[in-house]
Structures are given as C-alpha cells and as structure tokens.
Amino acid sequence: MSHLLSVSIPDDLMAQFERQARERGLTKSELAREALRREIDRDRWAGVFRAGERLAERAGIGPEDVEAIVDQVRAEMAGGH
C-alpha cells in the first residue's frame, strides 16, 4: 500500500532535489523514498552506537582500548576459539 505525502520545500532545496533526481535517473518520488529510508537507517544506527557507547562506558572501555580488544578477538578467532 502507498500513501501520498505532501510537503513544502524551499525553492533552492527543490532545485537541488530535482537536479539530483535527474543526475541519478530517478523520479522525485524514488529519490524521496530513498532519502527517507536513509534517514531512518541513520537514526537506527545512531541508536545502536549510543547503546554501544553506554555499554562500553559501563564496562570501563574507552576509545584507547578498542584496538587491543579487536586484536584480542582476532587472535581468538584465528586460534579457533
């Protein structure tokens, strides 16, 4: 099922939007759907990263620890553990 969405877009943004749709060979509807999906995905990933940051903080893991942890996991995977 599809829904119709009506939005107001400033002239300068609309010109950029139309140009990008033309350059990519998409209709404006296709480009708008793609942009909405990308924005929703971006928000979802931002939530994942925020959750990871909270877990790392609780575990006392900081950015300086990441490389050593990655190396440790890679060594364990290579060793068959």
C-alpha atoms as a PDB file:
ATOM      1  CA  MET A   1       0.000   0.000   0.000  1.00  0.00           C
ATOM      2  CA  SER A   2       1.240   3.501  -0.775  1.00  0.00           C
ATOM      3  CA  HIS A   3       0.498   6.825   0.866  1.00  0.00           C
ATOM      4  CA  LEU A   4       0.710  10.297  -0.556  1.00  0.00           C
ATOM      5  CA  LEU A   5       2.778  12.794   1.422  1.00  0.00           C
ATOM      6  CA  SER A   6       2.626  16.489   0.700  1.00  0.00           C
ATOM      7  CA  VAL A   7       5.490  18.645   1.975  1.00  0.00           C
ATOM      8  CA  SER A   8       6.605  22.227   1.430  1.00  0.00           C
ATOM      9  CA  ILE A   9      10.163  22.541   0.145  1.00  0.00           C
ATOM     10  CA  PRO A  10      12.074  25.819  -0.297  1.00  0.00           C
ATOM     11  CA  ASP A  11      12.918  26.688  -3.910  1.00  0.00           C
ATOM     12  CA  ASP A  12      16.682  26.243  -3.511  1.00  0.00           C
ATOM     13  CA  LEU A  13      16.310  22.804  -1.920  1.00  0.00           C
ATOM     14  CA  MET A  14      13.785  21.748  -4.565  1.00  0.00           C
ATOM     15  CA  ALA A  15      16.170  22.738  -7.341  1.00  0.00           C
ATOM     16  CA  GLN A  16      18.922  20.621  -5.773  1.00  0.00           C
ATOM     17  CA  PHE A  17      16.493  17.746  -5.253  1.00  0.00           C
ATOM     18  CA  GLU A  18      15.291  17.821  -8.864  1.00  0.00           C
ATOM     19  CA  ARG A  19      18.856  18.064 -10.163  1.00  0.00           C
ATOM     20  CA  GLN A  20      19.946  15.082  -8.081  1.00  0.00           C
ATOM     21  CA  ALA A  21      16.957  13.014  -9.226  1.00  0.00           C
ATOM     22  CA  ARG A  22      17.804  13.795 -12.874  1.00  0.00           C
ATOM     23  CA  GLU A  23      21.503  13.034 -12.409  1.00  0.00           C
ATOM     24  CA  ARG A  24      20.728   9.701 -10.766  1.00  0.00           C
ATOM     25  CA  GLY A  25      17.983   8.785 -13.213  1.00  0.00           C
ATOM     26  CA  LEU A  26      15.345   8.591 -10.501  1.00  0.00           C
ATOM     27  CA  THR A  27      11.886  10.049 -10.201  1.00  0.00           C
ATOM     28  CA  LYS A  28      11.399  12.572  -7.412  1.00  0.00           C
ATOM     29  CA  SER A  29       9.276  10.000  -5.579  1.00  0.00           C
ATOM     30  CA  GLU A  30      12.034   7.382  -5.804  1.00  0.00           C
ATOM     31  CA  LEU A  31      14.629   9.842  -4.552  1.00  0.00           C
ATOM     32  CA  ALA A  32      12.370  10.979  -1.695  1.00  0.00           C
ATOM     33  CA  ARG A  33      11.709   7.372  -0.633  1.00  0.00           C
ATOM     34  CA  GLU A  34      15.429   6.621  -0.774  1.00  0.00           C
ATOM     35  CA  ALA A  35      16.228   9.711   1.314  1.00  0.00           C
ATOM     36  CA  LEU A  36      13.603   8.771   3.913  1.00  0.00           C
ATOM     37  CA  ARG A  37      14.924   5.212   4.152  1.00  0.00           C
ATOM     38  CA  ARG A  38      18.485   6.505   4.505  1.00  0.00           C
ATOM     39  CA  GLU A  39      17.466   8.933   7.265  1.00  0.00           C
ATOM     40  CA  ILE A  40      15.549   6.228   9.145  1.00  0.00           C
ATOM     41  CA  ASP A  41      18.535   3.870   8.844  1.00  0.00           C
ATOM     42  CA  ARG A  42      20.887   6.619  10.018  1.00  0.00           C
ATOM     43  CA  ASP A  43      18.742   7.207  13.107  1.00  0.00           C
ATOM     44  CA  ARG A  44      18.608   3.467  13.802  1.00  0.00           C
ATOM     45  CA  TRP A  45      22.405   3.151  13.563  1.00  0.00           C
ATOM     46  CA  ALA A  46      22.844   6.224  15.747  1.00  0.00           C
ATOM     47  CA  GLY A  47      20.779   4.417  18.390  1.00  0.00           C
ATOM     48  CA  VAL A  48      22.964   1.332  18.066  1.00  0.00           C
ATOM     49  CA  PHE A  49      26.116   3.412  18.514  1.00  0.00           C
ATOM     50  CA  ARG A  50      24.661   5.228  21.531  1.00  0.00           C
ATOM     51  CA  ALA A  51      23.795   1.872  23.120  1.00  0.00           C
ATOM     52  CA  GLY A  52      27.324   0.617  22.411  1.00  0.00           C
ATOM     53  CA  GLU A  53      28.827   3.718  23.968  1.00  0.00           C
ATOM     54  CA  ARG A  54      26.726   3.235  27.112  1.00  0.00           C
ATOM     55  CA  LEU A  55      27.749  -0.433  27.374  1.00  0.00           C
ATOM     56  CA  ALA A  56      31.422   0.423  26.830  1.00  0.00           C
ATOM     57  CA  GLU A  57      31.238   3.136  29.486  1.00  0.00           C
ATOM     58  CA  ARG A  58      29.695   0.697  31.988  1.00  0.00           C
ATOM     59  CA  ALA A  59      32.434  -1.828  31.191  1.00  0.00           C
ATOM     60  CA  GLY A  60      35.138   0.806  31.578  1.00  0.00           C
ATOM     61  CA  ILE A  61      36.176   0.539  27.925  1.00  0.00           C
ATOM     62  CA  GLY A  62      37.385   3.715  26.251  1.00  0.00           C
ATOM     63  CA  PRO A  63      38.423   4.539  22.679  1.00  0.00           C
ATOM     64  CA  GLU A  64      42.043   3.861  23.612  1.00  0.00           C
ATOM     65  CA  ASP A  65      41.111   0.235  24.442  1.00  0.00           C
ATOM     66  CA  VAL A  66      39.419  -0.648  21.159  1.00  0.00           C
ATOM     67  CA  GLU A  67      42.487  -1.607  19.135  1.00  0.00           C
ATOM     68  CA  ALA A  68      43.716  -4.037  21.809  1.00  0.00           C
ATOM     69  CA  ILE A  69      40.252  -5.606  22.107  1.00  0.00           C
ATOM     70  CA  VAL A  70      39.984  -6.045  18.330  1.00  0.00           C
ATOM     71  CA  ASP A  71      43.450  -7.617  18.239  1.00  0.00           C
ATOM     72  CA  GLN A  72      42.462  -9.986  21.060  1.00  0.00           C
ATOM     73  CA  VAL A  73      39.239 -11.071  19.325  1.00  0.00           C
ATOM     74  CA  ARG A  74      41.066 -11.607  16.031  1.00  0.00           C
ATOM     75  CA  ALA A  75      43.697 -13.745  17.769  1.00  0.00           C
ATOM     76  CA  GLU A  76      40.986 -15.825  19.459  1.00  0.00           C
ATOM     77  CA  MET A  77      39.166 -16.301  16.138  1.00  0.00           C
ATOM     78  CA  ALA A  78      42.379 -17.305  14.363  1.00  0.00           C
ATOM     79  CA  GLY A  79      43.131 -19.806  17.084  1.00  0.00           C
ATOM     80  CA  GLY A  80      39.752 -21.479  16.660  1.00  0.00           C
ATOM     81  CA  HIS A  81      38.280 -20.380  19.974  1.00  0.00           C
END
